[in-house]
Amino acid sequence: MKSPFLVSGYKTSLSVVFLFISSIFYAQEAPLPKAKTGQFWEHVQFGGGFGASFGSDYTDITIAPSAIYNFNTHFAFGAGLQYSNLQQKHYYSSNVYGGNLIGIYSPIEEIQFSLELAEASVNNKYMDLGGDYNRNFWNTSLFFGGGYQEGGVTIGARLNLLFDKKEDIYGSAFMPFVRVFF
């Protein structure tokens, strides 16, 4: 003879299993939520740099727009363009243009580390009494940097890990920077 307690426990267990399995199948049939329109652009920030210096015999203009995508509060990845024109009257002119990729890591809100790969085409022209001399080459830089971040502004320094004093467009491997993103 079966115990009423055993039959009741069996029915309760069977009912719980049935409800659990049916809820799984129901969950699998539910439609996936649709992404909000514009959600991608909510994570994108634009910024860059602009610089200009003028003198009686000297001109230096730099334009460097960039954009990053924030994956979360700690990681971002982006790309940028750069153009520089430097001229010293009757002596030297240079056009530098290229692009870069940057990865940014912020372990806490105020601290930012970055790794940036930059490739630039350099077109130099030296003017001399004996004639002009042109030198065109590509320059690759790999910058590791760190800085203090407040809002969209980061102030810090970076080190060019591929710096070669004889073949580099930068005067030093170590460079301070100000990075701004909106």
N, C-alpha and C. Protein backbone atom coordinates (compact mmCIF):
# COMPACT_ATOMS: atom_id res chain seq x y z
N MET A 1 0.83 -1.16 0.00
CA MET A 1 0.00 0.00 0.00
C MET A 1 0.88 1.24 0.00
N LYS A 2 0.49 2.22 -0.79
CA LYS A 2 1.30 3.44 -0.91
C LYS A 2 0.92 4.41 0.18
N SER A 3 1.94 5.06 0.66
CA SER A 3 1.73 6.06 1.71
C SER A 3 1.20 7.35 1.08
N PRO A 4 0.18 8.03 1.70
CA PRO A 4 -0.33 9.28 1.15
C PRO A 4 0.74 10.37 1.10
N PHE A 5 1.69 10.34 2.00
CA PHE A 5 2.76 11.33 2.03
C PHE A 5 3.66 11.16 0.81
N LEU A 6 3.96 9.91 0.44
CA LEU A 6 4.82 9.62 -0.71
C LEU A 6 4.15 10.05 -2.01
N VAL A 7 2.85 9.76 -2.17
CA VAL A 7 2.12 10.15 -3.37
C VAL A 7 2.04 11.68 -3.48
N SER A 8 1.78 12.35 -2.37
CA SER A 8 1.69 13.81 -2.37
C SER A 8 3.04 14.44 -2.71
N GLY A 9 4.13 13.92 -2.16
CA GLY A 9 5.47 14.44 -2.45
C GLY A 9 5.85 14.21 -3.90
N TYR A 10 5.45 13.06 -4.46
CA TYR A 10 5.73 12.74 -5.84
C TYR A 10 5.01 13.71 -6.76
N LYS A 11 3.74 13.99 -6.48
CA LYS A 11 2.96 14.91 -7.31
C LYS A 11 3.51 16.33 -7.22
N THR A 12 3.92 16.76 -6.04
CA THR A 12 4.48 18.10 -5.87
C THR A 12 5.79 18.24 -6.63
N SER A 13 6.65 17.20 -6.53
CA SER A 13 7.93 17.23 -7.25
C SER A 13 7.71 17.27 -8.74
N LEU A 14 6.77 16.47 -9.22
CA LEU A 14 6.47 16.43 -10.65
C LEU A 14 5.93 17.77 -11.13
N SER A 15 5.10 18.41 -10.34
CA SER A 15 4.54 19.73 -10.70
C SER A 15 5.64 20.78 -10.77
N VAL A 16 6.60 20.79 -9.82
CA VAL A 16 7.70 21.75 -9.82
C VAL A 16 8.59 21.55 -11.05
N VAL A 17 8.90 20.30 -11.37
CA VAL A 17 9.72 20.00 -12.55
C VAL A 17 9.01 20.47 -13.82
N PHE A 18 7.72 20.19 -13.94
CA PHE A 18 6.94 20.61 -15.10
C PHE A 18 6.96 22.13 -15.27
N LEU A 19 6.72 22.86 -14.18
CA LEU A 19 6.74 24.32 -14.25
C LEU A 19 8.11 24.85 -14.64
N PHE A 20 9.18 24.26 -14.11
CA PHE A 20 10.55 24.68 -14.42
C PHE A 20 10.85 24.48 -15.90
N ILE A 21 10.53 23.29 -16.41
CA ILE A 21 10.80 22.99 -17.82
C ILE A 21 9.98 23.90 -18.73
N SER A 22 8.72 24.10 -18.42
CA SER A 22 7.89 24.96 -19.27
C SER A 22 8.38 26.41 -19.25
N SER A 23 8.90 26.87 -18.12
CA SER A 23 9.43 28.24 -18.08
C SER A 23 10.69 28.37 -18.92
N ILE A 24 11.49 27.31 -18.99
CA ILE A 24 12.68 27.34 -19.85
C ILE A 24 12.27 27.47 -21.30
N PHE A 25 11.30 26.64 -21.73
CA PHE A 25 10.85 26.71 -23.12
C PHE A 25 10.21 28.06 -23.43
N TYR A 26 9.48 28.61 -22.50
CA TYR A 26 8.87 29.92 -22.70
C TYR A 26 9.95 31.00 -22.85
N ALA A 27 11.00 30.91 -22.04
CA ALA A 27 12.08 31.89 -22.10
C ALA A 27 12.80 31.84 -23.44
N GLN A 28 12.91 30.63 -24.01
CA GLN A 28 13.59 30.50 -25.29
C GLN A 28 12.76 31.04 -26.44
N GLU A 29 11.44 31.09 -26.28
CA GLU A 29 10.58 31.59 -27.33
C GLU A 29 10.40 33.09 -27.26
N ALA A 30 10.78 33.71 -26.17
CA ALA A 30 10.60 35.15 -26.01
C ALA A 30 11.48 35.88 -27.02
N PRO A 31 10.98 36.94 -27.64
CA PRO A 31 11.79 37.67 -28.60
C PRO A 31 12.96 38.38 -27.91
N LEU A 32 14.07 38.50 -28.64
CA LEU A 32 15.23 39.20 -28.11
C LEU A 32 14.96 40.69 -28.10
N PRO A 33 15.44 41.38 -27.07
CA PRO A 33 15.21 42.84 -27.05
C PRO A 33 15.98 43.50 -28.18
N LYS A 34 15.38 44.49 -28.79
CA LYS A 34 16.02 45.21 -29.89
C LYS A 34 16.90 46.31 -29.33
N ALA A 35 18.05 46.53 -30.03
CA ALA A 35 18.96 47.59 -29.61
C ALA A 35 18.31 48.94 -29.87
N LYS A 36 18.57 49.86 -28.99
CA LYS A 36 18.03 51.21 -29.15
C LYS A 36 18.72 51.90 -30.32
N THR A 37 17.98 52.67 -31.06
CA THR A 37 18.56 53.43 -32.16
C THR A 37 19.54 54.44 -31.59
N GLY A 38 20.72 54.50 -32.18
CA GLY A 38 21.72 55.44 -31.71
C GLY A 38 22.54 54.97 -30.53
N GLN A 39 22.34 53.74 -30.08
CA GLN A 39 23.07 53.24 -28.91
C GLN A 39 24.58 53.23 -29.17
N PHE A 40 25.00 52.90 -30.38
CA PHE A 40 26.42 52.90 -30.71
C PHE A 40 27.03 54.28 -30.48
N TRP A 41 26.35 55.31 -30.97
CA TRP A 41 26.89 56.66 -30.90
C TRP A 41 26.92 57.22 -29.48
N GLU A 42 26.16 56.63 -28.57
CA GLU A 42 26.20 57.06 -27.18
C GLU A 42 27.53 56.72 -26.51
N HIS A 43 28.29 55.80 -27.11
CA HIS A 43 29.57 55.36 -26.56
C HIS A 43 30.77 56.00 -27.27
N VAL A 44 30.51 56.81 -28.29
CA VAL A 44 31.58 57.41 -29.09
C VAL A 44 31.87 58.81 -28.57
N GLN A 45 33.17 59.13 -28.48
CA GLN A 45 33.61 60.47 -28.12
C GLN A 45 34.54 60.98 -29.21
N PHE A 46 34.41 62.25 -29.52
CA PHE A 46 35.26 62.90 -30.52
C PHE A 46 36.18 63.88 -29.82
N GLY A 47 37.33 64.09 -30.42
CA GLY A 47 38.27 65.03 -29.83
C GLY A 47 39.46 65.21 -30.75
N GLY A 48 40.59 65.49 -30.13
CA GLY A 48 41.79 65.66 -30.90
C GLY A 48 42.57 66.86 -30.45
N GLY A 49 43.38 67.35 -31.37
CA GLY A 49 44.23 68.48 -31.04
C GLY A 49 44.38 69.43 -32.21
N PHE A 50 44.72 70.65 -31.88
CA PHE A 50 44.99 71.68 -32.86
C PHE A 50 46.07 72.57 -32.28
N GLY A 51 47.02 72.91 -33.09
CA GLY A 51 48.07 73.81 -32.62
C GLY A 51 48.54 74.70 -33.74
N ALA A 52 48.93 75.90 -33.39
CA ALA A 52 49.46 76.83 -34.38
C ALA A 52 50.46 77.76 -33.70
N SER A 53 51.55 77.99 -34.41
CA SER A 53 52.58 78.89 -33.92
C SER A 53 53.11 79.67 -35.12
N PHE A 54 53.17 80.99 -34.97
CA PHE A 54 53.62 81.83 -36.07
C PHE A 54 54.70 82.79 -35.59
N GLY A 55 55.66 83.01 -36.44
CA GLY A 55 56.70 83.98 -36.16
C GLY A 55 57.09 84.66 -37.46
N SER A 56 58.06 85.56 -37.43
CA SER A 56 58.44 86.27 -38.65
C SER A 56 59.06 85.32 -39.68
N ASP A 57 59.78 84.30 -39.24
CA ASP A 57 60.41 83.35 -40.16
C ASP A 57 59.96 81.92 -39.91
N TYR A 58 58.93 81.73 -39.09
CA TYR A 58 58.60 80.39 -38.62
C TYR A 58 57.09 80.19 -38.60
N THR A 59 56.60 79.04 -39.10
CA THR A 59 55.19 78.69 -39.05
C THR A 59 55.07 77.21 -38.69
N ASP A 60 54.18 76.89 -37.76
CA ASP A 60 53.93 75.50 -37.37
C ASP A 60 52.43 75.34 -37.14
N ILE A 61 51.79 74.48 -37.94
CA ILE A 61 50.35 74.23 -37.83
C ILE A 61 50.13 72.72 -37.71
N THR A 62 49.32 72.33 -36.73
CA THR A 62 49.01 70.91 -36.53
C THR A 62 47.51 70.75 -36.34
N ILE A 63 46.93 69.75 -37.03
CA ILE A 63 45.53 69.39 -36.88
C ILE A 63 45.48 67.88 -36.68
N ALA A 64 44.79 67.43 -35.61
CA ALA A 64 44.75 66.00 -35.30
C ALA A 64 43.40 65.59 -34.72
N PRO A 65 42.38 65.38 -35.59
CA PRO A 65 41.09 64.91 -35.08
C PRO A 65 41.14 63.42 -34.73
N SER A 66 40.30 63.01 -33.77
CA SER A 66 40.25 61.60 -33.38
C SER A 66 38.90 61.25 -32.78
N ALA A 67 38.65 59.96 -32.68
CA ALA A 67 37.40 59.46 -32.09
C ALA A 67 37.72 58.16 -31.35
N ILE A 68 37.02 57.93 -30.24
CA ILE A 68 37.18 56.68 -29.50
C ILE A 68 35.80 56.09 -29.20
N TYR A 69 35.77 54.78 -29.06
CA TYR A 69 34.55 54.07 -28.66
C TYR A 69 34.79 53.52 -27.26
N ASN A 70 33.94 53.90 -26.30
CA ASN A 70 34.05 53.43 -24.92
C ASN A 70 33.28 52.12 -24.77
N PHE A 71 34.00 51.02 -24.59
CA PHE A 71 33.35 49.72 -24.40
C PHE A 71 32.66 49.66 -23.03
N ASN A 72 33.30 50.26 -22.04
CA ASN A 72 32.75 50.37 -20.69
C ASN A 72 33.53 51.49 -19.99
N THR A 73 33.44 51.59 -18.67
CA THR A 73 34.13 52.69 -17.97
C THR A 73 35.64 52.49 -17.91
N HIS A 74 36.12 51.30 -18.27
CA HIS A 74 37.56 51.02 -18.16
C HIS A 74 38.29 50.97 -19.51
N PHE A 75 37.63 50.53 -20.58
CA PHE A 75 38.31 50.31 -21.85
C PHE A 75 37.70 51.13 -22.98
N ALA A 76 38.60 51.69 -23.82
CA ALA A 76 38.18 52.43 -25.02
C ALA A 76 39.19 52.16 -26.13
N PHE A 77 38.72 52.26 -27.36
CA PHE A 77 39.58 52.06 -28.53
C PHE A 77 39.18 53.08 -29.58
N GLY A 78 40.17 53.61 -30.30
CA GLY A 78 39.84 54.62 -31.29
C GLY A 78 40.88 54.79 -32.37
N ALA A 79 40.63 55.77 -33.22
CA ALA A 79 41.53 56.08 -34.33
C ALA A 79 41.57 57.58 -34.53
N GLY A 80 42.63 58.01 -35.19
CA GLY A 80 42.77 59.43 -35.44
C GLY A 80 43.58 59.71 -36.70
N LEU A 81 43.53 60.94 -37.12
CA LEU A 81 44.31 61.42 -38.26
C LEU A 81 45.20 62.56 -37.77
N GLN A 82 46.26 62.83 -38.51
CA GLN A 82 47.11 63.96 -38.15
C GLN A 82 47.69 64.61 -39.39
N TYR A 83 47.86 65.92 -39.30
CA TYR A 83 48.54 66.68 -40.34
C TYR A 83 49.32 67.80 -39.66
N SER A 84 50.58 67.95 -40.07
CA SER A 84 51.41 69.03 -39.56
C SER A 84 52.16 69.67 -40.71
N ASN A 85 52.27 70.98 -40.64
CA ASN A 85 53.07 71.73 -41.60
C ASN A 85 54.00 72.63 -40.81
N LEU A 86 55.27 72.47 -41.05
CA LEU A 86 56.29 73.26 -40.36
C LEU A 86 57.17 73.92 -41.41
N GLN A 87 57.37 75.23 -41.27
CA GLN A 87 58.21 75.95 -42.22
C GLN A 87 59.11 76.94 -41.50
N GLN A 88 60.36 76.95 -41.93
CA GLN A 88 61.29 77.99 -41.49
C GLN A 88 61.78 78.66 -42.77
N LYS A 89 61.48 79.93 -42.88
CA LYS A 89 61.72 80.69 -44.11
C LYS A 89 63.17 80.55 -44.60
N HIS A 90 63.31 80.24 -45.90
CA HIS A 90 64.60 80.12 -46.61
C HIS A 90 65.46 78.96 -46.10
N TYR A 91 64.90 78.06 -45.30
CA TYR A 91 65.73 76.97 -44.77
C TYR A 91 65.06 75.61 -44.86
N TYR A 92 63.80 75.51 -44.41
CA TYR A 92 63.23 74.19 -44.20
C TYR A 92 61.71 74.22 -44.30
N SER A 93 61.12 73.15 -44.87
CA SER A 93 59.67 72.96 -44.81
C SER A 93 59.39 71.47 -44.67
N SER A 94 58.31 71.16 -43.96
CA SER A 94 57.96 69.78 -43.70
C SER A 94 56.45 69.60 -43.68
N ASN A 95 55.98 68.55 -44.30
CA ASN A 95 54.57 68.14 -44.23
C ASN A 95 54.55 66.72 -43.68
N VAL A 96 53.78 66.54 -42.62
CA VAL A 96 53.66 65.23 -41.99
C VAL A 96 52.17 64.91 -41.94
N TYR A 97 51.80 63.74 -42.48
CA TYR A 97 50.40 63.32 -42.40
C TYR A 97 50.34 61.82 -42.17
N GLY A 98 49.31 61.40 -41.43
CA GLY A 98 49.18 59.98 -41.13
C GLY A 98 47.98 59.69 -40.26
N GLY A 99 48.04 58.53 -39.63
CA GLY A 99 46.94 58.09 -38.79
C GLY A 99 47.44 57.32 -37.59
N ASN A 100 46.53 57.05 -36.67
CA ASN A 100 46.92 56.32 -35.47
C ASN A 100 45.75 55.49 -34.95
N LEU A 101 46.07 54.46 -34.20
CA LEU A 101 45.12 53.64 -33.46
C LEU A 101 45.50 53.75 -31.99
N ILE A 102 44.50 53.87 -31.11
CA ILE A 102 44.79 54.03 -29.70
C ILE A 102 43.88 53.15 -28.86
N GLY A 103 44.47 52.51 -27.88
CA GLY A 103 43.73 51.77 -26.87
C GLY A 103 43.92 52.45 -25.53
N ILE A 104 42.84 52.61 -24.78
CA ILE A 104 42.89 53.33 -23.51
C ILE A 104 42.33 52.43 -22.41
N TYR A 105 43.05 52.39 -21.29
CA TYR A 105 42.61 51.64 -20.11
C TYR A 105 42.61 52.58 -18.91
N SER A 106 41.48 52.63 -18.21
CA SER A 106 41.35 53.46 -17.00
C SER A 106 41.00 52.54 -15.83
N PRO A 107 42.00 52.18 -15.00
CA PRO A 107 41.70 51.30 -13.86
C PRO A 107 40.78 51.96 -12.85
N ILE A 108 40.93 53.27 -12.69
CA ILE A 108 40.00 54.09 -11.89
C ILE A 108 39.70 55.34 -12.71
N GLU A 109 38.69 56.06 -12.33
CA GLU A 109 38.22 57.19 -13.13
C GLU A 109 39.29 58.25 -13.39
N GLU A 110 40.17 58.49 -12.44
CA GLU A 110 41.16 59.57 -12.56
C GLU A 110 42.45 59.18 -13.28
N ILE A 111 42.71 57.91 -13.45
CA ILE A 111 43.98 57.45 -14.04
C ILE A 111 43.71 56.83 -15.40
N GLN A 112 44.56 57.14 -16.38
CA GLN A 112 44.40 56.62 -17.72
C GLN A 112 45.75 56.15 -18.27
N PHE A 113 45.77 54.95 -18.83
CA PHE A 113 46.94 54.43 -19.53
C PHE A 113 46.55 54.24 -20.99
N SER A 114 47.51 54.45 -21.88
CA SER A 114 47.20 54.31 -23.31
C SER A 114 48.36 53.64 -24.04
N LEU A 115 48.00 52.97 -25.12
CA LEU A 115 48.95 52.39 -26.05
C LEU A 115 48.50 52.85 -27.43
N GLU A 116 49.40 53.53 -28.14
CA GLU A 116 49.04 54.16 -29.41
C GLU A 116 50.05 53.82 -30.49
N LEU A 117 49.55 53.33 -31.61
CA LEU A 117 50.38 53.05 -32.77
C LEU A 117 50.11 54.12 -33.81
N ALA A 118 51.16 54.83 -34.22
CA ALA A 118 51.02 55.94 -35.18
C ALA A 118 51.93 55.69 -36.38
N GLU A 119 51.39 55.96 -37.55
CA GLU A 119 52.15 55.84 -38.80
C GLU A 119 52.02 57.17 -39.53
N ALA A 120 53.17 57.75 -39.92
CA ALA A 120 53.15 59.07 -40.56
C ALA A 120 54.08 59.10 -41.76
N SER A 121 53.61 59.76 -42.80
CA SER A 121 54.44 60.04 -43.97
C SER A 121 55.07 61.41 -43.75
N VAL A 122 56.39 61.46 -43.90
CA VAL A 122 57.14 62.69 -43.65
C VAL A 122 57.76 63.15 -44.96
N ASN A 123 57.48 64.40 -45.33
CA ASN A 123 58.03 64.99 -46.56
C ASN A 123 58.78 66.25 -46.17
N ASN A 124 60.10 66.15 -46.13
CA ASN A 124 60.94 67.28 -45.73
C ASN A 124 61.63 67.88 -46.95
N LYS A 125 61.76 69.18 -46.93
CA LYS A 125 62.49 69.90 -47.98
C LYS A 125 63.45 70.86 -47.30
N TYR A 126 64.73 70.69 -47.62
CA TYR A 126 65.78 71.56 -47.07
C TYR A 126 66.25 72.47 -48.19
N MET A 127 66.30 73.77 -47.92
CA MET A 127 66.73 74.74 -48.92
C MET A 127 68.14 75.21 -48.58
N ASP A 128 68.98 75.17 -49.60
CA ASP A 128 70.39 75.52 -49.40
C ASP A 128 70.83 76.36 -50.60
N LEU A 129 71.92 77.08 -50.44
CA LEU A 129 72.42 77.88 -51.56
C LEU A 129 72.80 77.00 -52.74
N GLY A 130 73.20 75.77 -52.48
CA GLY A 130 73.60 74.86 -53.55
C GLY A 130 72.41 74.14 -54.18
N GLY A 131 71.21 74.37 -53.72
CA GLY A 131 70.02 73.70 -54.28
C GLY A 131 69.17 73.12 -53.16
N ASP A 132 68.02 72.59 -53.54
CA ASP A 132 67.11 72.01 -52.57
C ASP A 132 67.37 70.51 -52.42
N TYR A 133 67.10 70.02 -51.24
CA TYR A 133 67.24 68.59 -50.94
C TYR A 133 65.93 68.10 -50.33
N ASN A 134 65.35 67.06 -50.91
CA ASN A 134 64.10 66.47 -50.40
C ASN A 134 64.39 65.14 -49.72
N ARG A 135 63.70 64.91 -48.63
CA ARG A 135 63.81 63.63 -47.93
C ARG A 135 62.40 63.20 -47.53
N ASN A 136 61.93 62.08 -48.08
CA ASN A 136 60.60 61.56 -47.81
C ASN A 136 60.74 60.17 -47.19
N PHE A 137 60.02 59.93 -46.11
CA PHE A 137 60.08 58.62 -45.45
C PHE A 137 58.84 58.41 -44.59
N TRP A 138 58.66 57.17 -44.15
CA TRP A 138 57.58 56.81 -43.23
C TRP A 138 58.14 56.65 -41.84
N ASN A 139 57.38 57.09 -40.86
CA ASN A 139 57.80 56.98 -39.47
C ASN A 139 56.72 56.23 -38.68
N THR A 140 57.14 55.17 -37.97
CA THR A 140 56.23 54.39 -37.13
C THR A 140 56.59 54.64 -35.68
N SER A 141 55.57 54.92 -34.88
CA SER A 141 55.77 55.16 -33.45
C SER A 141 54.82 54.28 -32.65
N LEU A 142 55.29 53.81 -31.51
CA LEU A 142 54.47 53.06 -30.57
C LEU A 142 54.62 53.75 -29.22
N PHE A 143 53.55 54.44 -28.81
CA PHE A 143 53.59 55.23 -27.59
C PHE A 143 52.90 54.49 -26.44
N PHE A 144 53.57 54.44 -25.30
CA PHE A 144 52.94 53.99 -24.05
C PHE A 144 52.83 55.23 -23.17
N GLY A 145 51.61 55.50 -22.70
CA GLY A 145 51.42 56.73 -21.93
C GLY A 145 50.57 56.52 -20.70
N GLY A 146 50.62 57.52 -19.86
CA GLY A 146 49.80 57.54 -18.65
C GLY A 146 49.51 58.97 -18.27
N GLY A 147 48.36 59.15 -17.60
CA GLY A 147 48.01 60.50 -17.23
C GLY A 147 46.88 60.58 -16.23
N TYR A 148 46.61 61.81 -15.82
CA TYR A 148 45.53 62.11 -14.90
C TYR A 148 44.35 62.58 -15.73
N GLN A 149 43.17 62.01 -15.47
CA GLN A 149 41.97 62.31 -16.24
C GLN A 149 40.92 63.00 -15.37
N GLU A 150 40.37 64.08 -15.90
CA GLU A 150 39.27 64.78 -15.24
C GLU A 150 38.26 65.11 -16.32
N GLY A 151 37.09 64.47 -16.27
CA GLY A 151 36.11 64.66 -17.32
C GLY A 151 36.65 64.13 -18.63
N GLY A 152 36.59 64.91 -19.68
CA GLY A 152 37.10 64.50 -20.98
C GLY A 152 38.52 64.92 -21.26
N VAL A 153 39.22 65.44 -20.26
CA VAL A 153 40.59 65.94 -20.45
C VAL A 153 41.57 65.05 -19.69
N THR A 154 42.64 64.65 -20.38
CA THR A 154 43.71 63.88 -19.76
C THR A 154 45.02 64.63 -19.96
N ILE A 155 45.76 64.80 -18.88
CA ILE A 155 47.09 65.42 -18.93
C ILE A 155 48.09 64.37 -18.50
N GLY A 156 49.12 64.14 -19.33
CA GLY A 156 50.07 63.10 -18.98
C GLY A 156 51.31 63.15 -19.84
N ALA A 157 51.97 62.01 -19.91
CA ALA A 157 53.19 61.88 -20.70
C ALA A 157 53.18 60.52 -21.37
N ARG A 158 53.91 60.43 -22.47
CA ARG A 158 54.00 59.17 -23.20
C ARG A 158 55.44 58.95 -23.66
N LEU A 159 55.77 57.69 -23.86
CA LEU A 159 57.12 57.29 -24.27
C LEU A 159 57.02 56.54 -25.58
N ASN A 160 57.78 56.97 -26.58
CA ASN A 160 57.83 56.30 -27.88
C ASN A 160 58.77 55.09 -27.76
N LEU A 161 58.19 53.90 -27.73
CA LEU A 161 58.98 52.68 -27.55
C LEU A 161 59.81 52.32 -28.78
N LEU A 162 59.51 52.93 -29.94
CA LEU A 162 60.26 52.66 -31.17
C LEU A 162 61.17 53.83 -31.56
N PHE A 163 61.46 54.71 -30.62
CA PHE A 163 62.23 55.92 -30.91
C PHE A 163 63.62 55.59 -31.42
N ASP A 164 64.01 56.24 -32.52
CA ASP A 164 65.35 56.13 -33.10
C ASP A 164 65.81 57.56 -33.40
N LYS A 165 66.79 58.02 -32.67
CA LYS A 165 67.22 59.42 -32.76
C LYS A 165 67.59 59.82 -34.19
N LYS A 166 68.15 58.90 -34.97
CA LYS A 166 68.58 59.22 -36.33
C LYS A 166 67.44 59.24 -37.34
N GLU A 167 66.39 58.47 -37.09
CA GLU A 167 65.33 58.32 -38.07
C GLU A 167 63.95 58.75 -37.59
N ASP A 168 63.85 59.46 -36.50
CA ASP A 168 62.55 59.80 -35.95
C ASP A 168 62.19 61.26 -36.20
N ILE A 169 60.89 61.54 -36.32
CA ILE A 169 60.45 62.91 -36.55
C ILE A 169 60.31 63.68 -35.24
N TYR A 170 60.37 62.97 -34.12
CA TYR A 170 60.24 63.61 -32.82
C TYR A 170 61.62 63.86 -32.22
N GLY A 171 61.77 64.93 -31.49
CA GLY A 171 63.06 65.29 -30.91
C GLY A 171 63.45 64.43 -29.72
N SER A 172 62.48 63.76 -29.10
CA SER A 172 62.74 62.97 -27.91
C SER A 172 61.74 61.80 -27.85
N ALA A 173 62.13 60.75 -27.17
CA ALA A 173 61.22 59.61 -26.99
C ALA A 173 60.14 59.94 -25.97
N PHE A 174 60.39 60.86 -25.07
CA PHE A 174 59.46 61.24 -24.00
C PHE A 174 58.72 62.51 -24.40
N MET A 175 57.37 62.47 -24.31
CA MET A 175 56.58 63.63 -24.70
C MET A 175 55.40 63.84 -23.75
N PRO A 176 55.20 65.04 -23.28
CA PRO A 176 53.97 65.33 -22.53
C PRO A 176 52.80 65.45 -23.51
N PHE A 177 51.57 65.27 -23.02
CA PHE A 177 50.41 65.42 -23.87
C PHE A 177 49.22 65.94 -23.08
N VAL A 178 48.28 66.52 -23.83
CA VAL A 178 46.95 66.87 -23.33
C VAL A 178 45.98 66.26 -24.33
N ARG A 179 45.11 65.38 -23.84
CA ARG A 179 44.15 64.69 -24.69
C ARG A 179 42.75 65.15 -24.29
N VAL A 180 41.93 65.55 -25.28
CA VAL A 180 40.59 66.07 -25.00
C VAL A 180 39.57 65.30 -25.84
N PHE A 181 38.52 64.77 -25.17
CA PHE A 181 37.41 64.11 -25.84
C PHE A 181 36.09 64.65 -25.31
N PHE A 182 35.15 64.85 -26.21
CA PHE A 182 33.82 65.37 -25.85
C PHE A 182 32.79 64.27 -25.93
